[in-house]
Amino acid sequence: MSHDIDERVEDALARLDAQVARARASRESLTAELTELRNIEATARSPRGECSVTARADGTVVDVRLGPRADPGPALEKLLTATVVSAQREARQNAADQAEVLLGHGAPWVRDIRLQSPERG
Protein backbone atom coordinates (compact mmCIF):
# COMPACT_ATOMS: atom_id res chain seq x y z
CA MET A 1 0.00 0.00 0.00
CA SER A 2 2.74 2.48 0.89
CA HIS A 3 4.42 1.62 -2.41
CA ASP A 4 1.32 2.91 -4.30
CA ILE A 5 1.34 6.09 -2.25
CA ASP A 6 5.03 6.60 -2.90
CA GLU A 7 4.50 6.17 -6.64
CA ARG A 8 1.59 8.65 -6.64
CA VAL A 9 3.63 11.19 -4.70
CA GLU A 10 6.56 10.74 -7.08
CA ASP A 11 4.22 11.12 -10.08
CA ALA A 12 2.69 14.26 -8.57
CA LEU A 13 6.14 15.71 -7.90
CA ALA A 14 7.25 14.92 -11.45
CA ARG A 15 4.15 16.66 -12.86
CA LEU A 16 4.79 19.66 -10.61
CA ASP A 17 8.44 19.82 -11.70
CA ALA A 18 7.33 19.75 -15.34
CA GLN A 19 4.82 22.56 -14.72
CA VAL A 20 7.48 24.68 -13.03
CA ALA A 21 9.90 24.07 -15.91
CA ARG A 22 7.23 25.09 -18.47
CA ALA A 23 6.38 28.21 -16.45
CA ARG A 24 10.05 29.22 -16.27
CA ALA A 25 10.48 28.70 -20.00
CA SER A 26 7.34 30.74 -20.70
CA ARG A 27 8.57 33.53 -18.45
CA GLU A 28 11.97 33.61 -20.13
CA SER A 29 10.34 33.69 -23.55
CA LEU A 30 7.95 36.48 -22.56
CA THR A 31 10.78 38.50 -21.00
CA ALA A 32 12.79 38.24 -24.22
CA GLU A 33 9.78 39.25 -26.32
CA LEU A 34 9.04 42.24 -24.07
CA THR A 35 12.67 43.35 -24.36
CA GLU A 36 12.32 43.18 -28.14
CA LEU A 37 9.15 45.29 -27.92
CA ARG A 38 10.93 47.96 -25.88
CA ASN A 39 13.70 48.11 -28.48
CA ILE A 40 11.45 48.58 -31.50
CA GLU A 41 12.59 51.65 -33.41
CA ALA A 42 10.89 54.03 -35.80
CA THR A 43 12.24 56.90 -37.85
CA ALA A 44 10.26 60.05 -38.53
CA ARG A 45 11.22 62.72 -41.04
CA SER A 46 10.15 66.31 -41.18
CA PRO A 47 7.84 67.10 -44.10
CA ARG A 48 10.52 68.83 -46.20
CA GLY A 49 13.46 66.70 -45.08
CA GLU A 50 15.09 69.19 -42.74
CA CYS A 51 15.60 66.51 -40.11
CA SER A 52 15.00 62.88 -39.20
CA VAL A 53 14.76 61.26 -35.80
CA THR A 54 14.93 57.61 -34.79
CA ALA A 55 13.40 56.65 -31.45
CA ARG A 56 12.63 53.47 -29.54
CA ALA A 57 9.27 52.43 -28.16
CA ASP A 58 10.49 53.23 -24.64
CA GLY A 59 11.02 56.85 -25.72
CA THR A 60 14.79 56.73 -26.13
CA VAL A 61 15.99 58.93 -28.98
CA VAL A 62 18.54 56.88 -30.88
CA ASP A 63 19.53 59.21 -33.69
CA VAL A 64 18.92 62.79 -34.85
CA ARG A 65 20.04 63.92 -38.30
CA LEU A 66 19.87 67.32 -39.91
CA GLY A 67 19.46 67.54 -43.65
CA PRO A 68 20.89 70.18 -45.98
CA ARG A 69 17.60 72.14 -45.77
CA ALA A 70 17.92 72.59 -42.01
CA ASP A 71 18.03 76.26 -41.07
CA PRO A 72 19.25 76.79 -37.50
CA GLY A 73 16.93 78.76 -35.29
CA PRO A 74 13.62 78.61 -33.42
CA ALA A 75 11.76 77.06 -36.36
CA LEU A 76 14.22 74.18 -36.51
CA GLU A 77 13.97 73.65 -32.76
CA LYS A 78 10.18 73.32 -33.03
CA LEU A 79 10.50 71.07 -36.06
CA LEU A 80 12.99 68.84 -34.24
CA THR A 81 10.71 68.60 -31.21
CA ALA A 82 7.72 67.67 -33.37
CA THR A 83 9.79 65.09 -35.27
CA VAL A 84 11.05 63.53 -32.02
CA VAL A 85 7.46 63.22 -30.76
CA SER A 86 6.40 61.70 -34.08
CA ALA A 87 9.20 59.09 -34.02
CA GLN A 88 8.43 58.16 -30.42
CA ARG A 89 4.70 57.87 -31.15
CA GLU A 90 5.32 55.69 -34.22
CA ALA A 91 7.71 53.41 -32.30
CA ARG A 92 5.17 53.04 -29.47
CA GLN A 93 2.39 52.24 -31.92
CA ASN A 94 4.56 49.64 -33.68
CA ALA A 95 5.35 48.08 -30.29
CA ALA A 96 1.66 48.12 -29.37
CA ASP A 97 0.78 46.37 -32.65
CA GLN A 98 3.32 43.63 -31.97
CA ALA A 99 2.34 43.40 -28.29
CA GLU A 100 -1.27 42.95 -29.32
CA VAL A 101 -0.30 39.86 -31.30
CA LEU A 102 1.68 38.55 -28.33
CA LEU A 103 -0.61 39.50 -25.44
CA GLY A 104 -4.04 39.85 -27.04
CA HIS A 105 -6.26 42.73 -28.12
CA GLY A 106 -7.58 43.68 -24.70
CA ALA A 107 -4.31 43.37 -22.80
CA PRO A 108 -3.86 46.26 -20.33
CA TRP A 109 -0.25 46.85 -21.40
CA VAL A 110 -1.31 47.23 -25.06
CA ARG A 111 -4.09 49.62 -24.08
CA ASP A 112 -1.69 51.67 -21.93
CA ILE A 113 0.80 52.01 -24.78
CA ARG A 114 -1.92 53.17 -27.17
CA LEU A 115 -3.26 55.71 -24.67
CA GLN A 116 0.09 57.35 -23.93
CA SER A 117 0.07 61.01 -24.78
CA PRO A 118 2.54 62.02 -27.52
CA GLU A 119 3.64 64.91 -25.30
CA ARG A 120 5.12 62.43 -22.83
CA GLY A 121 7.66 61.25 -25.39
C-alpha atoms as a PDB file:
ATOM      1  CA  MET A   1       0.000   0.000   0.000  1.00  0.00           C
ATOM      2  CA  SER A   2       2.742   2.476   0.889  1.00  0.00           C
ATOM      3  CA  HIS A   3       4.425   1.616  -2.409  1.00  0.00           C
ATOM      4  CA  ASP A   4       1.325   2.908  -4.302  1.00  0.00           C
ATOM      5  CA  ILE A   5       1.337   6.094  -2.253  1.00  0.00           C
ATOM      6  CA  ASP A   6       5.031   6.604  -2.902  1.00  0.00           C
ATOM      7  CA  GLU A   7       4.499   6.170  -6.639  1.00  0.00           C
ATOM      8  CA  ARG A   8       1.593   8.652  -6.639  1.00  0.00           C
ATOM      9  CA  VAL A   9       3.634  11.185  -4.698  1.00  0.00           C
ATOM     10  CA  GLU A  10       6.562  10.736  -7.084  1.00  0.00           C
ATOM     11  CA  ASP A  11       4.223  11.123 -10.080  1.00  0.00           C
ATOM     12  CA  ALA A  12       2.689  14.261  -8.570  1.00  0.00           C
ATOM     13  CA  LEU A  13       6.139  15.705  -7.896  1.00  0.00           C
ATOM     14  CA  ALA A  14       7.252  14.920 -11.448  1.00  0.00           C
ATOM     15  CA  ARG A  15       4.151  16.661 -12.856  1.00  0.00           C
ATOM     16  CA  LEU A  16       4.785  19.657 -10.614  1.00  0.00           C
ATOM     17  CA  ASP A  17       8.438  19.818 -11.696  1.00  0.00           C
ATOM     18  CA  ALA A  18       7.329  19.752 -15.337  1.00  0.00           C
ATOM     19  CA  GLN A  19       4.821  22.557 -14.721  1.00  0.00           C
ATOM     20  CA  VAL A  20       7.476  24.685 -13.030  1.00  0.00           C
ATOM     21  CA  ALA A  21       9.900  24.067 -15.914  1.00  0.00           C
ATOM     22  CA  ARG A  22       7.233  25.088 -18.469  1.00  0.00           C
ATOM     23  CA  ALA A  23       6.380  28.208 -16.447  1.00  0.00           C
ATOM     24  CA  ARG A  24      10.054  29.216 -16.267  1.00  0.00           C
ATOM     25  CA  ALA A  25      10.485  28.698 -20.000  1.00  0.00           C
ATOM     26  CA  SER A  26       7.340  30.739 -20.696  1.00  0.00           C
ATOM     27  CA  ARG A  27       8.572  33.528 -18.446  1.00  0.00           C
ATOM     28  CA  GLU A  28      11.970  33.613 -20.131  1.00  0.00           C
ATOM     29  CA  SER A  29      10.343  33.691 -23.552  1.00  0.00           C
ATOM     30  CA  LEU A  30       7.952  36.477 -22.559  1.00  0.00           C
ATOM     31  CA  THR A  31      10.776  38.496 -21.003  1.00  0.00           C
ATOM     32  CA  ALA A  32      12.786  38.236 -24.224  1.00  0.00           C
ATOM     33  CA  GLU A  33       9.785  39.250 -26.322  1.00  0.00           C
ATOM     34  CA  LEU A  34       9.037  42.242 -24.072  1.00  0.00           C
ATOM     35  CA  THR A  35      12.670  43.346 -24.356  1.00  0.00           C
ATOM     36  CA  GLU A  36      12.324  43.178 -28.141  1.00  0.00           C
ATOM     37  CA  LEU A  37       9.155  45.288 -27.917  1.00  0.00           C
ATOM     38  CA  ARG A  38      10.932  47.959 -25.881  1.00  0.00           C
ATOM     39  CA  ASN A  39      13.704  48.106 -28.480  1.00  0.00           C
ATOM     40  CA  ILE A  40      11.451  48.584 -31.504  1.00  0.00           C
ATOM     41  CA  GLU A  41      12.592  51.650 -33.412  1.00  0.00           C
ATOM     42  CA  ALA A  42      10.891  54.025 -35.802  1.00  0.00           C
ATOM     43  CA  THR A  43      12.242  56.901 -37.848  1.00  0.00           C
ATOM     44  CA  ALA A  44      10.256  60.046 -38.533  1.00  0.00           C
ATOM     45  CA  ARG A  45      11.220  62.719 -41.037  1.00  0.00           C
ATOM     46  CA  SER A  46      10.146  66.311 -41.180  1.00  0.00           C
ATOM     47  CA  PRO A  47       7.839  67.104 -44.103  1.00  0.00           C
ATOM     48  CA  ARG A  48      10.517  68.829 -46.199  1.00  0.00           C
ATOM     49  CA  GLY A  49      13.463  66.701 -45.084  1.00  0.00           C
ATOM     50  CA  GLU A  50      15.090  69.191 -42.739  1.00  0.00           C
ATOM     51  CA  CYS A  51      15.604  66.511 -40.107  1.00  0.00           C
ATOM     52  CA  SER A  52      14.997  62.882 -39.205  1.00  0.00           C
ATOM     53  CA  VAL A  53      14.760  61.257 -35.795  1.00  0.00           C
ATOM     54  CA  THR A  54      14.934  57.608 -34.794  1.00  0.00           C
ATOM     55  CA  ALA A  55      13.403  56.650 -31.454  1.00  0.00           C
ATOM     56  CA  ARG A  56      12.630  53.475 -29.542  1.00  0.00           C
ATOM     57  CA  ALA A  57       9.269  52.431 -28.162  1.00  0.00           C
ATOM     58  CA  ASP A  58      10.493  53.227 -24.639  1.00  0.00           C
ATOM     59  CA  GLY A  59      11.017  56.851 -25.718  1.00  0.00           C
ATOM     60  CA  THR A  60      14.790  56.734 -26.126  1.00  0.00           C
ATOM     61  CA  VAL A  61      15.991  58.935 -28.977  1.00  0.00           C
ATOM     62  CA  VAL A  62      18.542  56.878 -30.875  1.00  0.00           C
ATOM     63  CA  ASP A  63      19.528  59.214 -33.687  1.00  0.00           C
ATOM     64  CA  VAL A  64      18.922  62.788 -34.854  1.00  0.00           C
ATOM     65  CA  ARG A  65      20.042  63.923 -38.297  1.00  0.00           C
ATOM     66  CA  LEU A  66      19.868  67.319 -39.909  1.00  0.00           C
ATOM     67  CA  GLY A  67      19.460  67.543 -43.651  1.00  0.00           C
ATOM     68  CA  PRO A  68      20.886  70.176 -45.985  1.00  0.00           C
ATOM     69  CA  ARG A  69      17.605  72.137 -45.772  1.00  0.00           C
ATOM     70  CA  ALA A  70      17.924  72.587 -42.015  1.00  0.00           C
ATOM     71  CA  ASP A  71      18.032  76.259 -41.072  1.00  0.00           C
ATOM     72  CA  PRO A  72      19.251  76.792 -37.499  1.00  0.00           C
ATOM     73  CA  GLY A  73      16.928  78.762 -35.290  1.00  0.00           C
ATOM     74  CA  PRO A  74      13.622  78.607 -33.416  1.00  0.00           C
ATOM     75  CA  ALA A  75      11.759  77.065 -36.360  1.00  0.00           C
ATOM     76  CA  LEU A  76      14.223  74.178 -36.511  1.00  0.00           C
ATOM     77  CA  GLU A  77      13.966  73.648 -32.762  1.00  0.00           C
ATOM     78  CA  LYS A  78      10.176  73.321 -33.027  1.00  0.00           C
ATOM     79  CA  LEU A  79      10.504  71.066 -36.059  1.00  0.00           C
ATOM     80  CA  LEU A  80      12.989  68.837 -34.237  1.00  0.00           C
ATOM     81  CA  THR A  81      10.713  68.596 -31.209  1.00  0.00           C
ATOM     82  CA  ALA A  82       7.725  67.671 -33.375  1.00  0.00           C
ATOM     83  CA  THR A  83       9.788  65.095 -35.269  1.00  0.00           C
ATOM     84  CA  VAL A  84      11.052  63.525 -32.016  1.00  0.00           C
ATOM     85  CA  VAL A  85       7.460  63.224 -30.761  1.00  0.00           C
ATOM     86  CA  SER A  86       6.400  61.701 -34.082  1.00  0.00           C
ATOM     87  CA  ALA A  87       9.202  59.090 -34.023  1.00  0.00           C
ATOM     88  CA  GLN A  88       8.431  58.161 -30.416  1.00  0.00           C
ATOM     89  CA  ARG A  89       4.704  57.873 -31.150  1.00  0.00           C
ATOM     90  CA  GLU A  90       5.321  55.694 -34.216  1.00  0.00           C
ATOM     91  CA  ALA A  91       7.711  53.407 -32.304  1.00  0.00           C
ATOM     92  CA  ARG A  92       5.166  53.035 -29.468  1.00  0.00           C
ATOM     93  CA  GLN A  93       2.386  52.237 -31.919  1.00  0.00           C
ATOM     94  CA  ASN A  94       4.562  49.644 -33.676  1.00  0.00           C
ATOM     95  CA  ALA A  95       5.354  48.085 -30.294  1.00  0.00           C
ATOM     96  CA  ALA A  96       1.657  48.116 -29.371  1.00  0.00           C
ATOM     97  CA  ASP A  97       0.778  46.373 -32.648  1.00  0.00           C
ATOM     98  CA  GLN A  98       3.318  43.630 -31.973  1.00  0.00           C
ATOM     99  CA  ALA A  99       2.342  43.398 -28.290  1.00  0.00           C
ATOM    100  CA  GLU A 100      -1.272  42.945 -29.318  1.00  0.00           C
ATOM    101  CA  VAL A 101      -0.303  39.855 -31.300  1.00  0.00           C
ATOM    102  CA  LEU A 102       1.679  38.546 -28.335  1.00  0.00           C
ATOM    103  CA  LEU A 103      -0.608  39.503 -25.439  1.00  0.00           C
ATOM    104  CA  GLY A 104      -4.035  39.846 -27.040  1.00  0.00           C
ATOM    105  CA  HIS A 105      -6.256  42.727 -28.121  1.00  0.00           C
ATOM    106  CA  GLY A 106      -7.582  43.683 -24.700  1.00  0.00           C
ATOM    107  CA  ALA A 107      -4.307  43.373 -22.795  1.00  0.00           C
ATOM    108  CA  PRO A 108      -3.862  46.263 -20.332  1.00  0.00           C
ATOM    109  CA  TRP A 109      -0.250  46.852 -21.401  1.00  0.00           C
ATOM    110  CA  VAL A 110      -1.312  47.232 -25.058  1.00  0.00           C
ATOM    111  CA  ARG A 111      -4.093  49.624 -24.078  1.00  0.00           C
ATOM    112  CA  ASP A 112      -1.691  51.673 -21.931  1.00  0.00           C
ATOM    113  CA  ILE A 113       0.799  52.007 -24.781  1.00  0.00           C
ATOM    114  CA  ARG A 114      -1.923  53.166 -27.166  1.00  0.00           C
ATOM    115  CA  LEU A 115      -3.262  55.714 -24.668  1.00  0.00           C
ATOM    116  CA  GLN A 116       0.089  57.346 -23.926  1.00  0.00           C
ATOM    117  CA  SER A 117       0.073  61.008 -24.785  1.00  0.00           C
ATOM    118  CA  PRO A 118       2.544  62.022 -27.525  1.00  0.00           C
ATOM    119  CA  GLU A 119       3.636  64.909 -25.300  1.00  0.00           C
ATOM    120  CA  ARG A 120       5.118  62.430 -22.826  1.00  0.00           C
ATOM    121  CA  GLY A 121       7.662  61.254 -25.388  1.00  0.00           C
END
